[in-house]
């Protein structure tokens, strides 16, 4: 058995250590994002490597590609947030404009359809549409997070609603549980970012 297969049995399910450790880092990433700290991104990068290994072991090609995408976007977010806090201040968050929101939704719909078709014709996923939806939604949410848009929290809500049942069906028990915890943390994150944005507006208008 190689290291990607190592794990333990829980209630009749084999839990991979890579899945467990990767999801612990993923939860940590959300907690750090709520606090708007630059450490969000290196932790996400490390978690992506572990979850990539877990996804490959579970034969979830779409999920594995999603982790590659997370790694690339973690670097993007790292650079963006470093620039946004280069003077030692806190990250300035804001809601997306109407044009930005429309663009995000349009890209999500079109890209989900295209990726689902690709997964279907290549046989890379046993659930092409939900796998594509999670893949594209995760990419858009992470991109919006990198731009410090408050709206990224709601995109994660939409992703979690599909991600929880799909993870359990795929046998990734830890991922399924973590998606559920994500849902609660995402709601808390949205509230906190809205609060910070409101405080910034008060300072600007006084």
N, C-alpha and C. Protein backbone atom coordinates (compact mmCIF):
# COMPACT_ATOMS: atom_id res chain seq x y z
N UNK A 1 0.84 -1.21 0.00
CA UNK A 1 0.00 0.00 0.00
C UNK A 1 0.88 1.26 0.00
N UNK A 2 0.62 2.19 -0.95
CA UNK A 2 1.39 3.42 -0.94
C UNK A 2 0.73 4.45 -0.03
N UNK A 3 1.39 5.58 0.14
CA UNK A 3 0.92 6.57 1.11
C UNK A 3 -0.43 7.15 0.75
N UNK A 4 -0.80 7.18 -0.53
CA UNK A 4 -2.10 7.73 -0.91
C UNK A 4 -3.26 6.82 -0.53
N UNK A 5 -2.97 5.55 -0.24
CA UNK A 5 -4.00 4.60 0.15
C UNK A 5 -4.12 4.42 1.65
N UNK A 6 -3.17 4.98 2.39
CA UNK A 6 -3.16 4.80 3.84
C UNK A 6 -4.37 5.47 4.49
N UNK A 7 -4.91 4.80 5.51
CA UNK A 7 -6.08 5.35 6.20
C UNK A 7 -6.56 4.42 7.28
N UNK A 8 -7.82 4.57 7.66
CA UNK A 8 -8.41 3.73 8.70
C UNK A 8 -9.89 3.54 8.37
N UNK A 9 -10.49 2.54 8.98
CA UNK A 9 -11.89 2.23 8.74
C UNK A 9 -12.78 2.90 9.78
N UNK A 10 -13.87 3.49 9.32
CA UNK A 10 -14.82 4.16 10.20
C UNK A 10 -16.23 3.86 9.73
N UNK A 11 -16.98 3.12 10.55
CA UNK A 11 -18.37 2.76 10.21
C UNK A 11 -18.47 2.09 8.85
N UNK A 12 -17.52 1.20 8.58
CA UNK A 12 -17.56 0.46 7.33
C UNK A 12 -16.99 1.20 6.14
N UNK A 13 -16.50 2.42 6.36
CA UNK A 13 -15.91 3.21 5.28
C UNK A 13 -14.41 3.38 5.52
N UNK A 14 -13.62 3.29 4.44
CA UNK A 14 -12.18 3.50 4.56
C UNK A 14 -11.89 4.99 4.42
N UNK A 15 -11.37 5.59 5.48
CA UNK A 15 -11.06 7.02 5.49
C UNK A 15 -9.59 7.21 5.16
N UNK A 16 -9.30 7.92 4.10
CA UNK A 16 -7.92 8.18 3.69
C UNK A 16 -7.30 9.28 4.56
N UNK A 17 -6.04 9.07 4.95
CA UNK A 17 -5.36 10.10 5.73
C UNK A 17 -5.20 11.38 4.90
N UNK A 18 -4.98 11.22 3.61
CA UNK A 18 -4.85 12.40 2.75
C UNK A 18 -6.15 13.21 2.72
N UNK A 19 -7.28 12.48 2.69
CA UNK A 19 -8.59 13.14 2.70
C UNK A 19 -8.82 13.85 4.03
N UNK A 20 -8.45 13.19 5.12
CA UNK A 20 -8.64 13.77 6.45
C UNK A 20 -7.78 15.01 6.64
N UNK A 21 -6.46 14.86 6.37
CA UNK A 21 -5.54 15.99 6.57
C UNK A 21 -5.85 17.14 5.62
N UNK A 22 -6.17 16.80 4.37
CA UNK A 22 -6.48 17.84 3.39
C UNK A 22 -7.71 18.64 3.78
N UNK A 23 -8.71 17.95 4.31
CA UNK A 23 -9.93 18.64 4.70
C UNK A 23 -9.77 19.45 5.98
N UNK A 24 -8.88 19.00 6.86
CA UNK A 24 -8.57 19.80 8.04
C UNK A 24 -7.95 21.13 7.61
N UNK A 25 -7.03 21.05 6.64
CA UNK A 25 -6.42 22.27 6.11
C UNK A 25 -7.45 23.12 5.37
N UNK A 26 -8.40 22.46 4.69
CA UNK A 26 -9.45 23.20 3.97
C UNK A 26 -10.32 23.98 4.95
N UNK A 27 -10.67 23.34 6.07
CA UNK A 27 -11.45 24.04 7.10
C UNK A 27 -10.65 25.20 7.68
N UNK A 28 -9.36 24.96 7.89
CA UNK A 28 -8.50 26.02 8.40
C UNK A 28 -8.45 27.19 7.43
N UNK A 29 -8.46 26.87 6.14
CA UNK A 29 -8.45 27.90 5.10
C UNK A 29 -9.67 28.81 5.22
N UNK A 30 -10.84 28.20 5.44
CA UNK A 30 -12.06 29.00 5.57
C UNK A 30 -11.98 29.89 6.80
N UNK A 31 -11.50 29.34 7.91
CA UNK A 31 -11.36 30.13 9.14
C UNK A 31 -10.42 31.31 8.92
N UNK A 32 -9.32 31.07 8.22
CA UNK A 32 -8.36 32.14 7.93
C UNK A 32 -8.96 33.17 6.98
N UNK A 33 -9.79 32.70 6.03
CA UNK A 33 -10.44 33.63 5.09
C UNK A 33 -11.41 34.55 5.82
N UNK A 34 -12.12 34.00 6.80
CA UNK A 34 -13.03 34.83 7.60
C UNK A 34 -12.25 35.95 8.27
N UNK A 35 -11.05 35.64 8.71
CA UNK A 35 -10.20 36.62 9.40
C UNK A 35 -9.41 37.50 8.42
N UNK A 36 -9.52 37.20 7.10
CA UNK A 36 -8.89 37.97 6.04
C UNK A 36 -7.37 38.04 6.20
N UNK A 37 -6.77 36.91 6.57
CA UNK A 37 -5.32 36.86 6.72
C UNK A 37 -4.68 36.25 5.49
N UNK A 38 -3.48 36.69 5.17
CA UNK A 38 -2.76 36.22 3.99
C UNK A 38 -2.43 34.74 4.08
N UNK A 39 -2.42 34.19 5.30
CA UNK A 39 -2.11 32.77 5.50
C UNK A 39 -3.18 31.87 4.89
N UNK A 40 -4.31 32.45 4.53
CA UNK A 40 -5.36 31.69 3.85
C UNK A 40 -4.81 30.92 2.66
N UNK A 41 -3.96 31.56 1.89
CA UNK A 41 -3.54 31.00 0.61
C UNK A 41 -2.47 29.91 0.69
N UNK A 42 -1.40 30.07 1.49
CA UNK A 42 -0.46 28.95 1.59
C UNK A 42 -1.08 27.70 2.22
N UNK A 43 -1.99 27.89 3.16
CA UNK A 43 -2.67 26.75 3.77
C UNK A 43 -3.57 26.07 2.74
N UNK A 44 -4.25 26.87 1.92
CA UNK A 44 -5.09 26.29 0.86
C UNK A 44 -4.24 25.51 -0.13
N UNK A 45 -3.07 26.02 -0.45
CA UNK A 45 -2.18 25.35 -1.39
C UNK A 45 -1.76 23.98 -0.86
N UNK A 46 -1.42 23.91 0.42
CA UNK A 46 -1.02 22.65 1.03
C UNK A 46 -2.19 21.66 1.06
N UNK A 47 -3.38 22.16 1.40
CA UNK A 47 -4.56 21.30 1.44
C UNK A 47 -4.90 20.76 0.06
N UNK A 48 -4.68 21.56 -0.97
CA UNK A 48 -4.98 21.13 -2.33
C UNK A 48 -4.12 19.95 -2.76
N UNK A 49 -2.86 19.96 -2.33
CA UNK A 49 -1.96 18.86 -2.68
C UNK A 49 -2.47 17.55 -2.07
N UNK A 50 -2.88 17.59 -0.81
CA UNK A 50 -3.36 16.39 -0.13
C UNK A 50 -4.69 15.91 -0.71
N UNK A 51 -5.60 16.84 -0.98
CA UNK A 51 -6.90 16.46 -1.53
C UNK A 51 -6.79 15.99 -2.98
N UNK A 52 -5.78 16.46 -3.68
CA UNK A 52 -5.53 15.95 -5.03
C UNK A 52 -5.20 14.46 -4.95
N UNK A 53 -4.35 14.11 -4.00
CA UNK A 53 -3.97 12.71 -3.83
C UNK A 53 -5.17 11.86 -3.46
N UNK A 54 -6.04 12.39 -2.57
CA UNK A 54 -7.23 11.64 -2.15
C UNK A 54 -8.20 11.46 -3.31
N UNK A 55 -8.36 12.48 -4.13
CA UNK A 55 -9.28 12.41 -5.27
C UNK A 55 -8.81 11.41 -6.32
N UNK A 56 -7.50 11.38 -6.55
CA UNK A 56 -6.94 10.43 -7.51
C UNK A 56 -7.18 9.01 -7.02
N UNK A 57 -6.99 8.79 -5.71
CA UNK A 57 -7.20 7.47 -5.13
C UNK A 57 -8.65 7.03 -5.24
N UNK A 58 -9.60 8.00 -5.16
CA UNK A 58 -11.03 7.70 -5.25
C UNK A 58 -11.51 7.70 -6.70
N UNK A 59 -10.60 7.88 -7.66
CA UNK A 59 -10.92 7.90 -9.09
C UNK A 59 -11.90 9.02 -9.45
N UNK A 60 -11.76 10.16 -8.77
CA UNK A 60 -12.59 11.33 -9.07
C UNK A 60 -11.73 12.33 -9.85
N UNK A 61 -11.70 12.14 -11.16
CA UNK A 61 -10.85 12.98 -11.99
C UNK A 61 -11.23 14.45 -11.89
N UNK A 62 -12.54 14.72 -11.90
CA UNK A 62 -13.00 16.10 -11.80
C UNK A 62 -12.55 16.74 -10.51
N UNK A 63 -12.65 15.99 -9.41
CA UNK A 63 -12.23 16.50 -8.11
C UNK A 63 -10.72 16.73 -8.08
N UNK A 64 -9.97 15.82 -8.69
CA UNK A 64 -8.51 15.98 -8.74
C UNK A 64 -8.13 17.23 -9.53
N UNK A 65 -8.79 17.44 -10.67
CA UNK A 65 -8.54 18.64 -11.46
C UNK A 65 -8.92 19.90 -10.69
N UNK A 66 -9.97 19.77 -9.88
CA UNK A 66 -10.40 20.91 -9.06
C UNK A 66 -9.29 21.31 -8.10
N UNK A 67 -8.58 20.33 -7.55
CA UNK A 67 -7.50 20.64 -6.62
C UNK A 67 -6.32 21.29 -7.32
N UNK A 68 -6.07 20.89 -8.58
CA UNK A 68 -5.03 21.56 -9.37
C UNK A 68 -5.43 23.02 -9.57
N UNK A 69 -6.72 23.22 -9.91
CA UNK A 69 -7.23 24.57 -10.09
C UNK A 69 -7.10 25.38 -8.80
N UNK A 70 -7.42 24.75 -7.65
CA UNK A 70 -7.29 25.43 -6.37
C UNK A 70 -5.85 25.88 -6.12
N UNK A 71 -4.90 25.03 -6.49
CA UNK A 71 -3.50 25.37 -6.30
C UNK A 71 -3.10 26.60 -7.10
N UNK A 72 -3.55 26.64 -8.36
CA UNK A 72 -3.24 27.78 -9.22
C UNK A 72 -3.91 29.05 -8.69
N UNK A 73 -5.18 28.94 -8.30
CA UNK A 73 -5.90 30.11 -7.80
C UNK A 73 -5.40 30.55 -6.42
N UNK A 74 -4.83 29.62 -5.67
CA UNK A 74 -4.24 29.99 -4.38
C UNK A 74 -3.06 30.93 -4.59
N UNK A 75 -2.29 30.66 -5.63
CA UNK A 75 -1.16 31.54 -5.95
C UNK A 75 -1.70 32.91 -6.38
N UNK A 76 -2.76 32.90 -7.21
CA UNK A 76 -3.38 34.16 -7.67
C UNK A 76 -3.89 34.97 -6.47
N UNK A 77 -4.63 34.30 -5.58
CA UNK A 77 -5.17 34.98 -4.41
C UNK A 77 -4.08 35.50 -3.49
N UNK A 78 -3.03 34.72 -3.36
CA UNK A 78 -1.89 35.10 -2.52
C UNK A 78 -1.30 36.41 -3.01
N UNK A 79 -1.12 36.51 -4.33
CA UNK A 79 -0.55 37.72 -4.92
C UNK A 79 -1.50 38.90 -4.74
N UNK A 80 -2.80 38.70 -5.02
CA UNK A 80 -3.79 39.78 -4.90
C UNK A 80 -3.89 40.29 -3.47
N UNK A 81 -3.97 39.39 -2.51
CA UNK A 81 -4.12 39.81 -1.12
C UNK A 81 -2.84 40.45 -0.59
N UNK A 82 -1.70 40.00 -1.09
CA UNK A 82 -0.43 40.62 -0.68
C UNK A 82 -0.40 42.07 -1.13
N UNK A 83 -0.86 42.33 -2.36
CA UNK A 83 -0.92 43.70 -2.85
C UNK A 83 -1.94 44.52 -2.07
N UNK A 84 -3.07 43.89 -1.70
CA UNK A 84 -4.12 44.61 -0.99
C UNK A 84 -3.76 44.97 0.44
N UNK A 85 -2.77 44.29 1.00
CA UNK A 85 -2.37 44.56 2.39
C UNK A 85 -0.92 44.99 2.50
N UNK A 86 -0.35 45.47 1.38
CA UNK A 86 1.09 45.78 1.36
C UNK A 86 1.47 46.91 2.31
N UNK A 87 0.51 47.77 2.66
CA UNK A 87 0.82 48.88 3.57
C UNK A 87 0.55 48.52 5.02
N UNK A 88 0.30 47.23 5.27
CA UNK A 88 0.07 46.79 6.64
C UNK A 88 -1.36 46.91 7.11
N UNK A 89 -2.26 47.33 6.23
CA UNK A 89 -3.66 47.46 6.61
C UNK A 89 -4.42 46.16 6.44
N UNK A 90 -5.71 46.17 6.83
CA UNK A 90 -6.54 44.98 6.66
C UNK A 90 -7.05 44.92 5.22
N UNK A 91 -7.38 43.74 4.78
CA UNK A 91 -7.84 43.56 3.41
C UNK A 91 -9.17 44.29 3.19
N UNK A 92 -9.26 45.21 2.20
CA UNK A 92 -10.52 45.91 1.93
C UNK A 92 -11.47 45.03 1.12
N UNK A 93 -12.54 44.55 1.76
CA UNK A 93 -13.51 43.69 1.07
C UNK A 93 -14.68 44.55 0.59
N UNK A 94 -15.39 44.05 -0.43
CA UNK A 94 -16.51 44.81 -0.99
C UNK A 94 -17.47 43.86 -1.69
N UNK A 95 -18.74 44.26 -1.85
CA UNK A 95 -19.66 43.46 -2.66
C UNK A 95 -19.36 43.67 -4.13
N UNK A 96 -19.66 42.69 -4.96
CA UNK A 96 -19.44 42.83 -6.39
C UNK A 96 -20.45 43.80 -6.99
N UNK A 97 -20.07 44.42 -8.09
CA UNK A 97 -20.99 45.30 -8.80
C UNK A 97 -22.00 44.44 -9.56
N UNK A 98 -23.04 45.06 -10.08
CA UNK A 98 -24.04 44.32 -10.85
C UNK A 98 -23.40 43.63 -12.05
N UNK A 99 -22.48 44.33 -12.71
CA UNK A 99 -21.80 43.77 -13.88
C UNK A 99 -20.94 42.57 -13.48
N UNK A 100 -20.24 42.69 -12.36
CA UNK A 100 -19.39 41.60 -11.89
C UNK A 100 -20.22 40.37 -11.54
N UNK A 101 -21.35 40.58 -10.88
CA UNK A 101 -22.21 39.46 -10.49
C UNK A 101 -22.80 38.78 -11.71
N UNK A 102 -23.25 39.57 -12.67
CA UNK A 102 -23.81 39.01 -13.90
C UNK A 102 -22.76 38.19 -14.64
N UNK A 103 -21.55 38.70 -14.69
CA UNK A 103 -20.46 37.99 -15.37
C UNK A 103 -20.16 36.67 -14.68
N UNK A 104 -20.10 36.68 -13.35
CA UNK A 104 -19.80 35.46 -12.60
C UNK A 104 -20.87 34.39 -12.84
N UNK A 105 -22.14 34.80 -12.83
CA UNK A 105 -23.23 33.85 -13.05
C UNK A 105 -23.19 33.30 -14.47
N UNK A 106 -22.99 34.19 -15.44
CA UNK A 106 -22.95 33.77 -16.84
C UNK A 106 -21.81 32.80 -17.10
N UNK A 107 -20.64 33.10 -16.56
CA UNK A 107 -19.49 32.22 -16.73
C UNK A 107 -19.74 30.88 -16.06
N UNK A 108 -20.37 30.91 -14.89
CA UNK A 108 -20.64 29.66 -14.16
C UNK A 108 -21.58 28.75 -14.96
N UNK A 109 -22.63 29.32 -15.53
CA UNK A 109 -23.59 28.52 -16.30
C UNK A 109 -22.93 27.95 -17.56
N UNK A 110 -22.26 28.80 -18.32
CA UNK A 110 -21.65 28.37 -19.58
C UNK A 110 -20.52 27.37 -19.34
N UNK A 111 -19.67 27.66 -18.36
CA UNK A 111 -18.53 26.79 -18.10
C UNK A 111 -18.98 25.44 -17.52
N UNK A 112 -20.02 25.45 -16.70
CA UNK A 112 -20.53 24.19 -16.15
C UNK A 112 -21.02 23.28 -17.27
N UNK A 113 -21.75 23.85 -18.22
CA UNK A 113 -22.26 23.07 -19.36
C UNK A 113 -21.10 22.51 -20.18
N UNK A 114 -20.08 23.32 -20.43
CA UNK A 114 -18.94 22.89 -21.24
C UNK A 114 -18.13 21.80 -20.54
N UNK A 115 -17.87 21.99 -19.26
CA UNK A 115 -17.08 21.02 -18.51
C UNK A 115 -17.86 19.71 -18.33
N UNK A 116 -19.17 19.80 -18.10
CA UNK A 116 -20.00 18.59 -17.97
C UNK A 116 -19.96 17.78 -19.27
N UNK A 117 -20.03 18.47 -20.41
CA UNK A 117 -19.94 17.79 -21.70
C UNK A 117 -18.59 17.10 -21.84
N UNK A 118 -17.53 17.80 -21.45
CA UNK A 118 -16.19 17.24 -21.54
C UNK A 118 -16.04 16.00 -20.66
N UNK A 119 -16.52 16.08 -19.41
CA UNK A 119 -16.44 14.94 -18.51
C UNK A 119 -17.25 13.77 -19.05
N UNK A 120 -18.37 14.07 -19.70
CA UNK A 120 -19.24 13.02 -20.22
C UNK A 120 -18.60 12.27 -21.39
N UNK A 121 -18.05 13.01 -22.35
CA UNK A 121 -17.48 12.37 -23.54
C UNK A 121 -16.15 11.67 -23.26
N UNK A 122 -15.45 12.13 -22.22
CA UNK A 122 -14.17 11.51 -21.89
C UNK A 122 -14.31 10.39 -20.87
N UNK A 123 -15.46 10.37 -20.18
CA UNK A 123 -15.66 9.37 -19.13
C UNK A 123 -14.82 9.62 -17.89
N UNK A 124 -14.40 10.85 -17.71
CA UNK A 124 -13.55 11.20 -16.58
C UNK A 124 -14.30 11.28 -15.25
N UNK A 125 -15.61 11.28 -15.30
CA UNK A 125 -16.40 11.38 -14.07
C UNK A 125 -17.65 10.52 -14.20
N UNK A 126 -18.04 9.87 -13.08
CA UNK A 126 -19.27 9.08 -13.11
C UNK A 126 -20.49 9.96 -12.91
N UNK A 127 -20.28 11.22 -12.53
CA UNK A 127 -21.38 12.17 -12.33
C UNK A 127 -20.98 13.49 -13.00
N UNK A 128 -21.01 13.55 -14.34
CA UNK A 128 -20.47 14.70 -15.08
C UNK A 128 -21.05 16.06 -14.69
N UNK A 129 -22.38 16.17 -14.61
CA UNK A 129 -22.98 17.48 -14.35
C UNK A 129 -22.68 18.01 -12.95
N UNK A 130 -22.97 17.24 -11.87
CA UNK A 130 -22.64 17.78 -10.55
C UNK A 130 -21.14 17.96 -10.34
N UNK A 131 -20.33 17.07 -10.92
CA UNK A 131 -18.88 17.22 -10.79
C UNK A 131 -18.41 18.49 -11.48
N UNK A 132 -18.98 18.77 -12.67
CA UNK A 132 -18.63 19.99 -13.40
C UNK A 132 -19.10 21.23 -12.65
N UNK A 133 -20.29 21.15 -12.07
CA UNK A 133 -20.85 22.27 -11.31
C UNK A 133 -19.95 22.63 -10.13
N UNK A 134 -19.49 21.59 -9.41
CA UNK A 134 -18.61 21.82 -8.26
C UNK A 134 -17.26 22.36 -8.73
N UNK A 135 -16.75 21.80 -9.80
CA UNK A 135 -15.46 22.23 -10.35
C UNK A 135 -15.50 23.71 -10.72
N UNK A 136 -16.49 24.08 -11.53
CA UNK A 136 -16.59 25.47 -12.01
C UNK A 136 -16.96 26.42 -10.87
N UNK A 137 -17.92 26.01 -10.03
CA UNK A 137 -18.32 26.86 -8.91
C UNK A 137 -17.18 27.13 -7.96
N UNK A 138 -16.37 26.10 -7.70
CA UNK A 138 -15.21 26.27 -6.81
C UNK A 138 -14.21 27.24 -7.42
N UNK A 139 -14.01 27.14 -8.73
CA UNK A 139 -13.06 28.03 -9.41
C UNK A 139 -13.54 29.48 -9.32
N UNK A 140 -14.81 29.69 -9.59
CA UNK A 140 -15.35 31.05 -9.57
C UNK A 140 -15.35 31.63 -8.16
N UNK A 141 -15.71 30.79 -7.18
CA UNK A 141 -15.72 31.25 -5.79
C UNK A 141 -14.31 31.66 -5.34
N UNK A 142 -13.32 30.84 -5.68
CA UNK A 142 -11.94 31.13 -5.28
C UNK A 142 -11.40 32.36 -5.99
N UNK A 143 -11.77 32.51 -7.27
CA UNK A 143 -11.36 33.70 -8.02
C UNK A 143 -11.96 34.96 -7.38
N UNK A 144 -13.26 34.91 -7.04
CA UNK A 144 -13.93 36.05 -6.42
C UNK A 144 -13.34 36.33 -5.04
N UNK A 145 -12.96 35.28 -4.33
CA UNK A 145 -12.31 35.45 -3.03
C UNK A 145 -10.98 36.17 -3.20
N UNK A 146 -10.23 35.80 -4.23
CA UNK A 146 -8.96 36.46 -4.49
C UNK A 146 -9.13 37.94 -4.76
N UNK A 147 -10.27 38.32 -5.31
CA UNK A 147 -10.56 39.73 -5.59
C UNK A 147 -11.25 40.41 -4.41
N UNK A 148 -11.38 39.67 -3.29
CA UNK A 148 -11.96 40.19 -2.04
C UNK A 148 -13.43 40.60 -2.21
N UNK A 149 -14.17 39.86 -3.06
CA UNK A 149 -15.59 40.14 -3.25
C UNK A 149 -16.41 39.35 -2.23
N UNK A 150 -17.27 40.03 -1.50
CA UNK A 150 -18.10 39.40 -0.48
C UNK A 150 -18.97 38.30 -1.07
N UNK A 151 -19.34 38.47 -2.33
CA UNK A 151 -20.24 37.52 -3.00
C UNK A 151 -19.69 36.11 -3.08
N UNK A 152 -18.37 35.94 -2.92
CA UNK A 152 -17.80 34.59 -3.06
C UNK A 152 -18.36 33.64 -2.01
N UNK A 153 -18.78 34.17 -0.86
CA UNK A 153 -19.36 33.30 0.17
C UNK A 153 -20.64 32.64 -0.32
N UNK A 154 -21.47 33.38 -1.05
CA UNK A 154 -22.73 32.81 -1.55
C UNK A 154 -22.50 31.80 -2.66
N UNK A 155 -21.45 31.98 -3.41
CA UNK A 155 -21.12 30.98 -4.43
C UNK A 155 -20.75 29.66 -3.75
N UNK A 156 -20.05 29.76 -2.63
CA UNK A 156 -19.69 28.54 -1.89
C UNK A 156 -20.92 27.85 -1.33
N UNK A 157 -21.93 28.62 -0.93
CA UNK A 157 -23.18 28.01 -0.46
C UNK A 157 -23.79 27.15 -1.57
N UNK A 158 -23.83 27.71 -2.78
CA UNK A 158 -24.39 26.99 -3.92
C UNK A 158 -23.59 25.72 -4.22
N UNK A 159 -22.28 25.79 -4.07
CA UNK A 159 -21.42 24.63 -4.32
C UNK A 159 -21.64 23.55 -3.26
N UNK A 160 -21.73 23.97 -2.00
CA UNK A 160 -21.90 23.03 -0.90
C UNK A 160 -23.19 22.23 -1.00
N UNK A 161 -24.23 22.84 -1.52
CA UNK A 161 -25.52 22.15 -1.63
C UNK A 161 -25.43 20.92 -2.53
N UNK A 162 -24.50 20.92 -3.45
CA UNK A 162 -24.28 19.77 -4.33
C UNK A 162 -23.11 18.92 -3.83
N UNK A 163 -22.12 19.58 -3.27
CA UNK A 163 -20.90 18.89 -2.84
C UNK A 163 -21.11 17.90 -1.72
N UNK A 164 -22.00 18.18 -0.79
CA UNK A 164 -22.23 17.28 0.35
C UNK A 164 -22.72 15.90 -0.10
N UNK A 165 -23.84 15.81 -0.83
CA UNK A 165 -24.30 14.48 -1.25
C UNK A 165 -23.34 13.77 -2.20
N UNK A 166 -22.66 14.53 -3.09
CA UNK A 166 -21.75 13.90 -4.04
C UNK A 166 -20.56 13.27 -3.33
N UNK A 167 -20.04 13.95 -2.30
CA UNK A 167 -18.89 13.42 -1.56
C UNK A 167 -19.26 12.11 -0.86
N UNK A 168 -20.44 12.05 -0.24
CA UNK A 168 -20.87 10.83 0.44
C UNK A 168 -21.07 9.69 -0.56
N UNK A 169 -21.65 10.01 -1.71
CA UNK A 169 -21.86 8.98 -2.74
C UNK A 169 -20.54 8.44 -3.29
N UNK A 170 -19.49 9.28 -3.23
CA UNK A 170 -18.18 8.88 -3.75
C UNK A 170 -17.36 8.11 -2.73
N UNK A 171 -17.88 7.99 -1.50
CA UNK A 171 -17.16 7.28 -0.46
C UNK A 171 -16.18 8.13 0.32
N UNK A 172 -16.13 9.44 0.04
CA UNK A 172 -15.24 10.34 0.78
C UNK A 172 -16.03 10.91 1.96
N UNK A 173 -16.10 10.10 3.02
CA UNK A 173 -16.92 10.45 4.18
C UNK A 173 -16.45 11.75 4.82
N UNK A 174 -15.14 11.87 5.00
CA UNK A 174 -14.60 13.07 5.64
C UNK A 174 -14.96 14.31 4.82
N UNK A 175 -14.81 14.21 3.50
CA UNK A 175 -15.14 15.36 2.65
C UNK A 175 -16.60 15.74 2.78
N UNK A 176 -17.49 14.74 2.87
CA UNK A 176 -18.91 15.02 3.02
C UNK A 176 -19.21 15.76 4.30
N UNK A 177 -18.61 15.30 5.40
CA UNK A 177 -18.81 15.96 6.69
C UNK A 177 -18.26 17.38 6.65
N UNK A 178 -17.08 17.52 6.06
CA UNK A 178 -16.44 18.84 5.99
C UNK A 178 -17.27 19.81 5.16
N UNK A 179 -17.84 19.33 4.05
CA UNK A 179 -18.71 20.19 3.25
C UNK A 179 -19.86 20.74 4.10
N UNK A 180 -20.39 19.88 4.98
CA UNK A 180 -21.47 20.32 5.86
C UNK A 180 -21.00 21.40 6.83
N UNK A 181 -19.80 21.21 7.38
CA UNK A 181 -19.23 22.22 8.28
C UNK A 181 -18.94 23.51 7.52
N UNK A 182 -18.44 23.33 6.28
CA UNK A 182 -18.19 24.49 5.41
C UNK A 182 -19.44 25.38 5.32
N UNK A 183 -20.58 24.73 5.14
CA UNK A 183 -21.83 25.45 4.93
C UNK A 183 -22.07 26.45 6.07
N UNK A 184 -21.86 25.98 7.30
CA UNK A 184 -22.06 26.84 8.47
C UNK A 184 -21.00 27.94 8.51
N UNK A 185 -19.75 27.56 8.25
CA UNK A 185 -18.66 28.53 8.30
C UNK A 185 -18.81 29.60 7.22
N UNK A 186 -19.33 29.20 6.06
CA UNK A 186 -19.53 30.14 4.97
C UNK A 186 -20.54 31.22 5.36
N UNK A 187 -21.61 30.80 6.03
CA UNK A 187 -22.61 31.78 6.48
C UNK A 187 -22.00 32.75 7.49
N UNK A 188 -21.17 32.22 8.39
CA UNK A 188 -20.49 33.07 9.36
C UNK A 188 -19.50 34.01 8.67
N UNK A 189 -18.82 33.49 7.65
CA UNK A 189 -17.87 34.31 6.91
C UNK A 189 -18.54 35.47 6.19
N UNK A 190 -19.69 35.17 5.57
CA UNK A 190 -20.43 36.23 4.89
C UNK A 190 -20.82 37.33 5.87
N UNK A 191 -21.31 36.93 7.03
CA UNK A 191 -21.72 37.92 8.03
C UNK A 191 -20.55 38.78 8.47
N UNK A 192 -19.39 38.15 8.68
CA UNK A 192 -18.21 38.89 9.14
C UNK A 192 -17.69 39.85 8.07
N UNK A 193 -17.64 39.40 6.81
CA UNK A 193 -17.16 40.28 5.74
C UNK A 193 -18.12 41.44 5.52
N UNK A 194 -19.42 41.19 5.63
CA UNK A 194 -20.39 42.28 5.51
C UNK A 194 -20.20 43.29 6.64
N UNK A 195 -19.92 42.79 7.82
CA UNK A 195 -19.70 43.66 8.98
C UNK A 195 -18.46 44.53 8.76
N UNK A 196 -17.39 43.92 8.26
CA UNK A 196 -16.17 44.67 8.01
C UNK A 196 -16.37 45.72 6.91
N UNK A 197 -17.12 45.36 5.89
CA UNK A 197 -17.40 46.31 4.81
C UNK A 197 -18.21 47.48 5.36
N UNK A 198 -19.20 47.20 6.22
CA UNK A 198 -20.01 48.26 6.82
C UNK A 198 -19.17 49.20 7.66
N UNK A 199 -18.22 48.64 8.41
CA UNK A 199 -17.35 49.48 9.24
C UNK A 199 -16.49 50.39 8.38
N UNK A 200 -16.00 49.85 7.25
CA UNK A 200 -15.17 50.66 6.34
C UNK A 200 -15.97 51.80 5.74
N UNK A 201 -17.23 51.54 5.41
CA UNK A 201 -18.10 52.59 4.87
C UNK A 201 -18.32 53.68 5.91
N UNK A 202 -18.49 53.30 7.17
CA UNK A 202 -18.71 54.27 8.24
C UNK A 202 -17.51 55.20 8.38
N UNK A 203 -16.31 54.60 8.26
CA UNK A 203 -15.09 55.39 8.39
C UNK A 203 -14.97 56.37 7.22
N UNK A 204 -15.31 55.91 6.02
CA UNK A 204 -15.21 56.74 4.82
C UNK A 204 -16.20 57.91 4.87
N UNK A 205 -17.41 57.65 5.38
CA UNK A 205 -18.46 58.69 5.36
C UNK A 205 -18.40 59.64 6.57
N UNK A 206 -17.53 59.33 7.55
CA UNK A 206 -17.44 60.23 8.71
C UNK A 206 -16.25 61.17 8.59
